[in-house]
Amino acid sequence: MIDWLLLAQRPIERPYVGIGLGLGMICIFSFVVLLSALWIWALVDAIRNPRLSDNQRIIWVVVILVTHILGAIIYLAAGRQGDRGRGM
């Protein structure tokens, strides 16, 4: 009876995960850093873009701050030129 109790108290050995977990973490970390850099770049560009009017600048900054990376991607794809860049 005591032998079974001793066996039940042994720690469970975990399988070796290996390099896959470390490599995956590096990839995820790199992806997060790239997305953060893209977000910061879009935010700074929206603030400093001379082609945007003051109202457009405020709207784009709010959109980028509220929607994070999605707003940054939309701004970089559509909003960088502003009205002055489209010939209006």
PDB file of N, CA and C in Angstrom:
ATOM      1  N   MET A   1       0.821  -1.190   0.000  1.00  0.00           N
ATOM      2  CA  MET A   1       0.000   0.000   0.000  1.00  0.00           C
ATOM      3  C   MET A   1       0.867   1.257   0.000  1.00  0.00           C
ATOM      4  N   ILE A   2       1.916   1.242   0.749  1.00  0.00           N
ATOM      5  CA  ILE A   2       2.791   2.407   0.832  1.00  0.00           C
ATOM      6  C   ILE A   2       3.515   2.626  -0.497  1.00  0.00           C
ATOM      7  N   ASP A   3       3.852   1.559  -1.211  1.00  0.00           N
ATOM      8  CA  ASP A   3       4.519   1.705  -2.504  1.00  0.00           C
ATOM      9  C   ASP A   3       3.656   2.480  -3.495  1.00  0.00           C
ATOM     10  N   TRP A   4       2.366   2.241  -3.500  1.00  0.00           N
ATOM     11  CA  TRP A   4       1.475   2.960  -4.411  1.00  0.00           C
ATOM     12  C   TRP A   4       1.397   4.435  -4.053  1.00  0.00           C
ATOM     13  N   LEU A   5       1.432   4.740  -2.790  1.00  0.00           N
ATOM     14  CA  LEU A   5       1.407   6.139  -2.380  1.00  0.00           C
ATOM     15  C   LEU A   5       2.688   6.859  -2.796  1.00  0.00           C
ATOM     16  N   LEU A   6       3.806   6.163  -2.677  1.00  0.00           N
ATOM     17  CA  LEU A   6       5.072   6.770  -3.081  1.00  0.00           C
ATOM     18  C   LEU A   6       5.116   6.990  -4.591  1.00  0.00           C
ATOM     19  N   LEU A   7       4.598   6.048  -5.354  1.00  0.00           N
ATOM     20  CA  LEU A   7       4.560   6.208  -6.803  1.00  0.00           C
ATOM     21  C   LEU A   7       3.636   7.350  -7.216  1.00  0.00           C
ATOM     22  N   ALA A   8       2.561   7.537  -6.494  1.00  0.00           N
ATOM     23  CA  ALA A   8       1.611   8.594  -6.825  1.00  0.00           C
ATOM     24  C   ALA A   8       2.190   9.974  -6.535  1.00  0.00           C
ATOM     25  N   GLN A   9       3.187  10.048  -5.672  1.00  0.00           N
ATOM     26  CA  GLN A   9       3.758  11.338  -5.307  1.00  0.00           C
ATOM     27  C   GLN A   9       4.928  11.744  -6.201  1.00  0.00           C
ATOM     28  N   ARG A  10       5.348  10.895  -7.101  1.00  0.00           N
ATOM     29  CA  ARG A  10       6.446  11.248  -8.001  1.00  0.00           C
ATOM     30  C   ARG A  10       6.003  12.355  -8.966  1.00  0.00           C
ATOM     31  N   PRO A  11       6.895  13.266  -9.249  1.00  0.00           N
ATOM     32  CA  PRO A  11       6.524  14.316 -10.216  1.00  0.00           C
ATOM     33  C   PRO A  11       6.377  13.728 -11.617  1.00  0.00           C
ATOM     34  N   ILE A  12       5.468  14.282 -12.350  1.00  0.00           N
ATOM     35  CA  ILE A  12       5.234  13.830 -13.716  1.00  0.00           C
ATOM     36  C   ILE A  12       6.294  14.455 -14.610  1.00  0.00           C
ATOM     37  N   GLU A  13       6.948  13.639 -15.403  1.00  0.00           N
ATOM     38  CA  GLU A  13       7.966  14.152 -16.311  1.00  0.00           C
ATOM     39  C   GLU A  13       7.289  14.773 -17.526  1.00  0.00           C
ATOM     40  N   ARG A  14       7.746  15.934 -17.874  1.00  0.00           N
ATOM     41  CA  ARG A  14       7.187  16.632 -19.026  1.00  0.00           C
ATOM     42  C   ARG A  14       8.000  16.268 -20.267  1.00  0.00           C
ATOM     43  N   PRO A  15       7.333  16.119 -21.388  1.00  0.00           N
ATOM     44  CA  PRO A  15       8.080  15.815 -22.610  1.00  0.00           C
ATOM     45  C   PRO A  15       8.946  17.001 -23.020  1.00  0.00           C
ATOM     46  N   TYR A  16      10.048  16.726 -23.653  1.00  0.00           N
ATOM     47  CA  TYR A  16      10.962  17.758 -24.101  1.00  0.00           C
ATOM     48  C   TYR A  16      10.357  18.477 -25.305  1.00  0.00           C
ATOM     49  N   VAL A  17      10.221  19.774 -25.183  1.00  0.00           N
ATOM     50  CA  VAL A  17       9.606  20.551 -26.251  1.00  0.00           C
ATOM     51  C   VAL A  17      10.621  20.841 -27.346  1.00  0.00           C
ATOM     52  N   GLY A  18      11.832  21.112 -26.989  1.00  0.00           N
ATOM     53  CA  GLY A  18      12.882  21.315 -27.971  1.00  0.00           C
ATOM     54  C   GLY A  18      12.933  22.719 -28.518  1.00  0.00           C
ATOM     55  N   ILE A  19      13.506  22.844 -29.685  1.00  0.00           N
ATOM     56  CA  ILE A  19      13.751  24.150 -30.279  1.00  0.00           C
ATOM     57  C   ILE A  19      12.486  24.759 -30.877  1.00  0.00           C
ATOM     58  N   GLY A  20      11.470  23.978 -31.111  1.00  0.00           N
ATOM     59  CA  GLY A  20      10.254  24.481 -31.737  1.00  0.00           C
ATOM     60  C   GLY A  20       9.585  25.583 -30.942  1.00  0.00           C
ATOM     61  N   LEU A  21       9.536  25.443 -29.641  1.00  0.00           N
ATOM     62  CA  LEU A  21       8.900  26.458 -28.814  1.00  0.00           C
ATOM     63  C   LEU A  21       9.708  27.748 -28.837  1.00  0.00           C
ATOM     64  N   GLY A  22      11.008  27.653 -28.749  1.00  0.00           N
ATOM     65  CA  GLY A  22      11.849  28.846 -28.777  1.00  0.00           C
ATOM     66  C   GLY A  22      11.771  29.558 -30.108  1.00  0.00           C
ATOM     67  N   LEU A  23      11.782  28.808 -31.180  1.00  0.00           N
ATOM     68  CA  LEU A  23      11.696  29.397 -32.510  1.00  0.00           C
ATOM     69  C   LEU A  23      10.333  30.036 -32.735  1.00  0.00           C
ATOM     70  N   GLY A  24       9.296  29.397 -32.246  1.00  0.00           N
ATOM     71  CA  GLY A  24       7.957  29.972 -32.357  1.00  0.00           C
ATOM     72  C   GLY A  24       7.827  31.267 -31.578  1.00  0.00           C
ATOM     73  N   MET A  25       8.412  31.299 -30.393  1.00  0.00           N
ATOM     74  CA  MET A  25       8.364  32.517 -29.585  1.00  0.00           C
ATOM     75  C   MET A  25       9.131  33.650 -30.260  1.00  0.00           C
ATOM     76  N   ILE A  26      10.246  33.335 -30.893  1.00  0.00           N
ATOM     77  CA  ILE A  26      11.012  34.354 -31.609  1.00  0.00           C
ATOM     78  C   ILE A  26      10.200  34.899 -32.779  1.00  0.00           C
ATOM     79  N   CYS A  27       9.515  34.030 -33.495  1.00  0.00           N
ATOM     80  CA  CYS A  27       8.684  34.473 -34.624  1.00  0.00           C
ATOM     81  C   CYS A  27       7.538  35.354 -34.152  1.00  0.00           C
ATOM     82  N   ILE A  28       6.875  34.960 -33.089  1.00  0.00           N
ATOM     83  CA  ILE A  28       5.765  35.754 -32.564  1.00  0.00           C
ATOM     84  C   ILE A  28       6.267  37.102 -32.063  1.00  0.00           C
ATOM     85  N   PHE A  29       7.377  37.100 -31.348  1.00  0.00           N
ATOM     86  CA  PHE A  29       7.950  38.347 -30.844  1.00  0.00           C
ATOM     87  C   PHE A  29       8.338  39.275 -31.997  1.00  0.00           C
ATOM     88  N   SER A  30       8.945  38.721 -33.036  1.00  0.00           N
ATOM     89  CA  SER A  30       9.330  39.528 -34.195  1.00  0.00           C
ATOM     90  C   SER A  30       8.103  40.121 -34.883  1.00  0.00           C
ATOM     91  N   PHE A  31       7.051  39.337 -34.998  1.00  0.00           N
ATOM     92  CA  PHE A  31       5.813  39.805 -35.620  1.00  0.00           C
ATOM     93  C   PHE A  31       5.200  40.947 -34.809  1.00  0.00           C
ATOM     94  N   VAL A  32       5.196  40.817 -33.500  1.00  0.00           N
ATOM     95  CA  VAL A  32       4.647  41.866 -32.632  1.00  0.00           C
ATOM     96  C   VAL A  32       5.483  43.139 -32.734  1.00  0.00           C
ATOM     97  N   VAL A  33       6.795  43.002 -32.783  1.00  0.00           N
ATOM     98  CA  VAL A  33       7.666  44.173 -32.911  1.00  0.00           C
ATOM     99  C   VAL A  33       7.425  44.867 -34.252  1.00  0.00           C
ATOM    100  N   LEU A  34       7.291  44.104 -35.321  1.00  0.00           N
ATOM    101  CA  LEU A  34       7.035  44.701 -36.633  1.00  0.00           C
ATOM    102  C   LEU A  34       5.688  45.419 -36.676  1.00  0.00           C
ATOM    103  N   LEU A  35       4.662  44.816 -36.099  1.00  0.00           N
ATOM    104  CA  LEU A  35       3.352  45.469 -36.069  1.00  0.00           C
ATOM    105  C   LEU A  35       3.380  46.733 -35.220  1.00  0.00           C
ATOM    106  N   SER A  36       4.108  46.700 -34.121  1.00  0.00           N
ATOM    107  CA  SER A  36       4.225  47.893 -33.277  1.00  0.00           C
ATOM    108  C   SER A  36       4.961  49.007 -34.011  1.00  0.00           C
ATOM    109  N   ALA A  37       6.009  48.655 -34.731  1.00  0.00           N
ATOM    110  CA  ALA A  37       6.748  49.654 -35.505  1.00  0.00           C
ATOM    111  C   ALA A  37       5.867  50.246 -36.607  1.00  0.00           C
ATOM    112  N   LEU A  38       5.071  49.415 -37.256  1.00  0.00           N
ATOM    113  CA  LEU A  38       4.148  49.896 -38.279  1.00  0.00           C
ATOM    114  C   LEU A  38       3.127  50.857 -37.681  1.00  0.00           C
ATOM    115  N   TRP A  39       2.609  50.534 -36.513  1.00  0.00           N
ATOM    116  CA  TRP A  39       1.628  51.379 -35.839  1.00  0.00           C
ATOM    117  C   TRP A  39       2.232  52.731 -35.467  1.00  0.00           C
ATOM    118  N   ILE A  40       3.436  52.711 -34.912  1.00  0.00           N
ATOM    119  CA  ILE A  40       4.105  53.954 -34.522  1.00  0.00           C
ATOM    120  C   ILE A  40       4.422  54.793 -35.760  1.00  0.00           C
ATOM    121  N   TRP A  41       4.875  54.144 -36.831  1.00  0.00           N
ATOM    122  CA  TRP A  41       5.191  54.859 -38.063  1.00  0.00           C
ATOM    123  C   TRP A  41       3.943  55.547 -38.625  1.00  0.00           C
ATOM    124  N   ALA A  42       2.823  54.841 -38.648  1.00  0.00           N
ATOM    125  CA  ALA A  42       1.585  55.425 -39.164  1.00  0.00           C
ATOM    126  C   ALA A  42       1.135  56.592 -38.287  1.00  0.00           C
ATOM    127  N   LEU A  43       1.255  56.454 -36.991  1.00  0.00           N
ATOM    128  CA  LEU A  43       0.843  57.519 -36.082  1.00  0.00           C
ATOM    129  C   LEU A  43       1.706  58.767 -36.264  1.00  0.00           C
ATOM    130  N   VAL A  44       3.004  58.590 -36.330  1.00  0.00           N
ATOM    131  CA  VAL A  44       3.911  59.727 -36.525  1.00  0.00           C
ATOM    132  C   VAL A  44       3.687  60.357 -37.894  1.00  0.00           C
ATOM    133  N   ASP A  45       3.483  59.536 -38.911  1.00  0.00           N
ATOM    134  CA  ASP A  45       3.252  60.058 -40.252  1.00  0.00           C
ATOM    135  C   ASP A  45       1.949  60.846 -40.315  1.00  0.00           C
ATOM    136  N   ALA A  46       0.916  60.376 -39.635  1.00  0.00           N
ATOM    137  CA  ALA A  46      -0.357  61.102 -39.627  1.00  0.00           C
ATOM    138  C   ALA A  46      -0.214  62.446 -38.919  1.00  0.00           C
ATOM    139  N   ILE A  47       0.590  62.497 -37.888  1.00  0.00           N
ATOM    140  CA  ILE A  47       0.787  63.751 -37.156  1.00  0.00           C
ATOM    141  C   ILE A  47       1.620  64.734 -37.970  1.00  0.00           C
ATOM    142  N   ARG A  48       2.621  64.254 -38.681  1.00  0.00           N
ATOM    143  CA  ARG A  48       3.565  65.138 -39.369  1.00  0.00           C
ATOM    144  C   ARG A  48       3.276  65.333 -40.853  1.00  0.00           C
ATOM    145  N   ASN A  49       2.243  64.719 -41.386  1.00  0.00           N
ATOM    146  CA  ASN A  49       1.954  64.779 -42.817  1.00  0.00           C
ATOM    147  C   ASN A  49       1.461  66.174 -43.206  1.00  0.00           C
ATOM    148  N   PRO A  50       2.219  66.915 -44.030  1.00  0.00           N
ATOM    149  CA  PRO A  50       1.795  68.271 -44.394  1.00  0.00           C
ATOM    150  C   PRO A  50       0.647  68.290 -45.404  1.00  0.00           C
ATOM    151  N   ARG A  51       0.372  67.177 -46.050  1.00  0.00           N
ATOM    152  CA  ARG A  51      -0.700  67.134 -47.043  1.00  0.00           C
ATOM    153  C   ARG A  51      -2.083  66.991 -46.425  1.00  0.00           C
ATOM    154  N   LEU A  52      -2.142  66.707 -45.134  1.00  0.00           N
ATOM    155  CA  LEU A  52      -3.431  66.567 -44.463  1.00  0.00           C
ATOM    156  C   LEU A  52      -3.839  67.894 -43.839  1.00  0.00           C
ATOM    157  N   SER A  53      -5.125  68.193 -43.921  1.00  0.00           N
ATOM    158  CA  SER A  53      -5.621  69.376 -43.221  1.00  0.00           C
ATOM    159  C   SER A  53      -5.665  69.064 -41.721  1.00  0.00           C
ATOM    160  N   ASP A  54      -5.896  70.087 -40.929  1.00  0.00           N
ATOM    161  CA  ASP A  54      -5.919  69.870 -39.478  1.00  0.00           C
ATOM    162  C   ASP A  54      -7.032  68.911 -39.063  1.00  0.00           C
ATOM    163  N   ASN A  55      -8.198  69.057 -39.683  1.00  0.00           N
ATOM    164  CA  ASN A  55      -9.309  68.160 -39.347  1.00  0.00           C
ATOM    165  C   ASN A  55      -9.006  66.720 -39.752  1.00  0.00           C
ATOM    166  N   GLN A  56      -8.438  66.539 -40.935  1.00  0.00           N
ATOM    167  CA  GLN A  56      -8.076  65.188 -41.374  1.00  0.00           C
ATOM    168  C   GLN A  56      -7.021  64.581 -40.447  1.00  0.00           C
ATOM    169  N   ARG A  57      -6.073  65.398 -40.041  1.00  0.00           N
ATOM    170  CA  ARG A  57      -5.009  64.919 -39.154  1.00  0.00           C
ATOM    171  C   ARG A  57      -5.599  64.419 -37.835  1.00  0.00           C
ATOM    172  N   ILE A  58      -6.495  65.197 -37.256  1.00  0.00           N
ATOM    173  CA  ILE A  58      -7.117  64.800 -35.985  1.00  0.00           C
ATOM    174  C   ILE A  58      -7.914  63.514 -36.158  1.00  0.00           C
ATOM    175  N   ILE A  59      -8.675  63.437 -37.237  1.00  0.00           N
ATOM    176  CA  ILE A  59      -9.485  62.235 -37.481  1.00  0.00           C
ATOM    177  C   ILE A  59      -8.593  61.012 -37.650  1.00  0.00           C
ATOM    178  N   TRP A  60      -7.523  61.135 -38.442  1.00  0.00           N
ATOM    179  CA  TRP A  60      -6.645  59.985 -38.661  1.00  0.00           C
ATOM    180  C   TRP A  60      -5.927  59.564 -37.384  1.00  0.00           C
ATOM    181  N   VAL A  61      -5.502  60.523 -36.583  1.00  0.00           N
ATOM    182  CA  VAL A  61      -4.831  60.170 -35.326  1.00  0.00           C
ATOM    183  C   VAL A  61      -5.794  59.431 -34.403  1.00  0.00           C
ATOM    184  N   VAL A  62      -7.026  59.902 -34.316  1.00  0.00           N
ATOM    185  CA  VAL A  62      -8.017  59.219 -33.474  1.00  0.00           C
ATOM    186  C   VAL A  62      -8.303  57.815 -34.014  1.00  0.00           C
ATOM    187  N   VAL A  63      -8.446  57.698 -35.338  1.00  0.00           N
ATOM    188  CA  VAL A  63      -8.707  56.381 -35.941  1.00  0.00           C
ATOM    189  C   VAL A  63      -7.553  55.424 -35.660  1.00  0.00           C
ATOM    190  N   ILE A  64      -6.329  55.897 -35.808  1.00  0.00           N
ATOM    191  CA  ILE A  64      -5.164  55.032 -35.570  1.00  0.00           C
ATOM    192  C   ILE A  64      -5.067  54.649 -34.098  1.00  0.00           C
ATOM    193  N   LEU A  65      -5.339  55.591 -33.204  1.00  0.00           N
ATOM    194  CA  LEU A  65      -5.263  55.281 -31.776  1.00  0.00           C
ATOM    195  C   LEU A  65      -6.355  54.313 -31.331  1.00  0.00           C
ATOM    196  N   VAL A  66      -7.546  54.456 -31.893  1.00  0.00           N
ATOM    197  CA  VAL A  66      -8.671  53.621 -31.450  1.00  0.00           C
ATOM    198  C   VAL A  66      -8.622  52.226 -32.068  1.00  0.00           C
ATOM    199  N   THR A  67      -8.284  52.147 -33.345  1.00  0.00           N
ATOM    200  CA  THR A  67      -8.338  50.844 -34.023  1.00  0.00           C
ATOM    201  C   THR A  67      -6.982  50.156 -34.120  1.00  0.00           C
ATOM    202  N   HIS A  68      -5.967  50.753 -33.564  1.00  0.00           N
ATOM    203  CA  HIS A  68      -4.621  50.186 -33.488  1.00  0.00           C
ATOM    204  C   HIS A  68      -4.083  49.788 -34.859  1.00  0.00           C
ATOM    205  N   ILE A  69      -3.706  48.556 -35.038  1.00  0.00           N
ATOM    206  CA  ILE A  69      -3.001  48.156 -36.257  1.00  0.00           C
ATOM    207  C   ILE A  69      -3.911  48.220 -37.481  1.00  0.00           C
ATOM    208  N   LEU A  70      -5.189  47.958 -37.310  1.00  0.00           N
ATOM    209  CA  LEU A  70      -6.112  48.045 -38.442  1.00  0.00           C
ATOM    210  C   LEU A  70      -6.194  49.482 -38.956  1.00  0.00           C
ATOM    211  N   GLY A  71      -6.293  50.438 -38.054  1.00  0.00           N
ATOM    212  CA  GLY A  71      -6.316  51.840 -38.452  1.00  0.00           C
ATOM    213  C   GLY A  71      -5.016  52.273 -39.103  1.00  0.00           C
ATOM    214  N   ALA A  72      -3.898  51.751 -38.614  1.00  0.00           N
ATOM    215  CA  ALA A  72      -2.603  52.080 -39.209  1.00  0.00           C
ATOM    216  C   ALA A  72      -2.512  51.559 -40.636  1.00  0.00           C
ATOM    217  N   ILE A  73      -2.988  50.353 -40.854  1.00  0.00           N
ATOM    218  CA  ILE A  73      -2.954  49.773 -42.206  1.00  0.00           C
ATOM    219  C   ILE A  73      -3.868  50.558 -43.141  1.00  0.00           C
ATOM    220  N   ILE A  74      -5.053  50.920 -42.661  1.00  0.00           N
ATOM    221  CA  ILE A  74      -5.979  51.701 -43.484  1.00  0.00           C
ATOM    222  C   ILE A  74      -5.376  53.069 -43.804  1.00  0.00           C
ATOM    223  N   TYR A  75      -4.767  53.699 -42.809  1.00  0.00           N
ATOM    224  CA  TYR A  75      -4.147  55.005 -43.054  1.00  0.00           C
ATOM    225  C   TYR A  75      -3.020  54.899 -44.078  1.00  0.00           C
ATOM    226  N   LEU A  76      -2.150  53.928 -43.915  1.00  0.00           N
ATOM    227  CA  LEU A  76      -1.023  53.802 -44.837  1.00  0.00           C
ATOM    228  C   LEU A  76      -1.483  53.438 -46.244  1.00  0.00           C
ATOM    229  N   ALA A  77      -2.601  52.735 -46.360  1.00  0.00           N
ATOM    230  CA  ALA A  77      -3.102  52.353 -47.679  1.00  0.00           C
ATOM    231  C   ALA A  77      -3.910  53.467 -48.336  1.00  0.00           C
ATOM    232  N   ALA A  78      -4.671  54.229 -47.551  1.00  0.00           N
ATOM    233  CA  ALA A  78      -5.612  55.161 -48.164  1.00  0.00           C
ATOM    234  C   ALA A  78      -5.436  56.615 -47.746  1.00  0.00           C
ATOM    235  N   GLY A  79      -4.961  56.874 -46.561  1.00  0.00           N
ATOM    236  CA  GLY A  79      -5.037  58.229 -46.042  1.00  0.00           C
ATOM    237  C   GLY A  79      -3.790  59.068 -46.121  1.00  0.00           C
ATOM    238  N   ARG A  80      -2.701  58.536 -46.599  1.00  0.00           N
ATOM    239  CA  ARG A  80      -1.452  59.291 -46.570  1.00  0.00           C
ATOM    240  C   ARG A  80      -1.467  60.501 -47.483  1.00  0.00           C
ATOM    241  N   GLN A  81      -2.159  60.435 -48.603  1.00  0.00           N
ATOM    242  CA  GLN A  81      -2.113  61.539 -49.553  1.00  0.00           C
ATOM    243  C   GLN A  81      -3.006  62.701 -49.147  1.00  0.00           C
ATOM    244  N   GLY A  82      -4.108  62.429 -48.500  1.00  0.00           N
ATOM    245  CA  GLY A  82      -5.027  63.505 -48.146  1.00  0.00           C
ATOM    246  C   GLY A  82      -5.694  64.071 -49.388  1.00  0.00           C
ATOM    247  N   ASP A  83      -6.446  65.144 -49.237  1.00  0.00           N
ATOM    248  CA  ASP A  83      -7.142  65.757 -50.371  1.00  0.00           C
ATOM    249  C   ASP A  83      -6.175  66.449 -51.316  1.00  0.00           C
ATOM    250  N   ARG A  84      -5.123  67.011 -50.788  1.00  0.00           N
ATOM    251  CA  ARG A  84      -4.186  67.762 -51.623  1.00  0.00           C
ATOM    252  C   ARG A  84      -3.406  66.857 -52.561  1.00  0.00           C
ATOM    253  N   GLY A  85      -3.178  65.614 -52.172  1.00  0.00           N
ATOM    254  CA  GLY A  85      -2.416  64.701 -53.011  1.00  0.00           C
ATOM    255  C   GLY A  85      -3.224  64.100 -54.138  1.00  0.00           C
ATOM    256  N   ARG A  86      -4.532  64.193 -54.079  1.00  0.00           N
ATOM    257  CA  ARG A  86      -5.390  63.599 -55.104  1.00  0.00           C
ATOM    258  C   ARG A  86      -5.784  64.601 -56.177  1.00  0.00           C
ATOM    259  N   GLY A  87      -5.308  65.816 -56.074  1.00  0.00           N
ATOM    260  CA  GLY A  87      -5.598  66.806 -57.090  1.00  0.00           C
ATOM    261  C   GLY A  87      -6.945  67.470 -56.935  1.00  0.00           C
ATOM    262  N   MET A  88      -7.534  67.433 -55.765  1.00  0.00           N
ATOM    263  CA  MET A  88      -8.838  68.066 -55.546  1.00  0.00           C
ATOM    264  C   MET A  88      -8.671  69.510 -55.166  1.00  0.00           C
TER     265      MET A  88
END
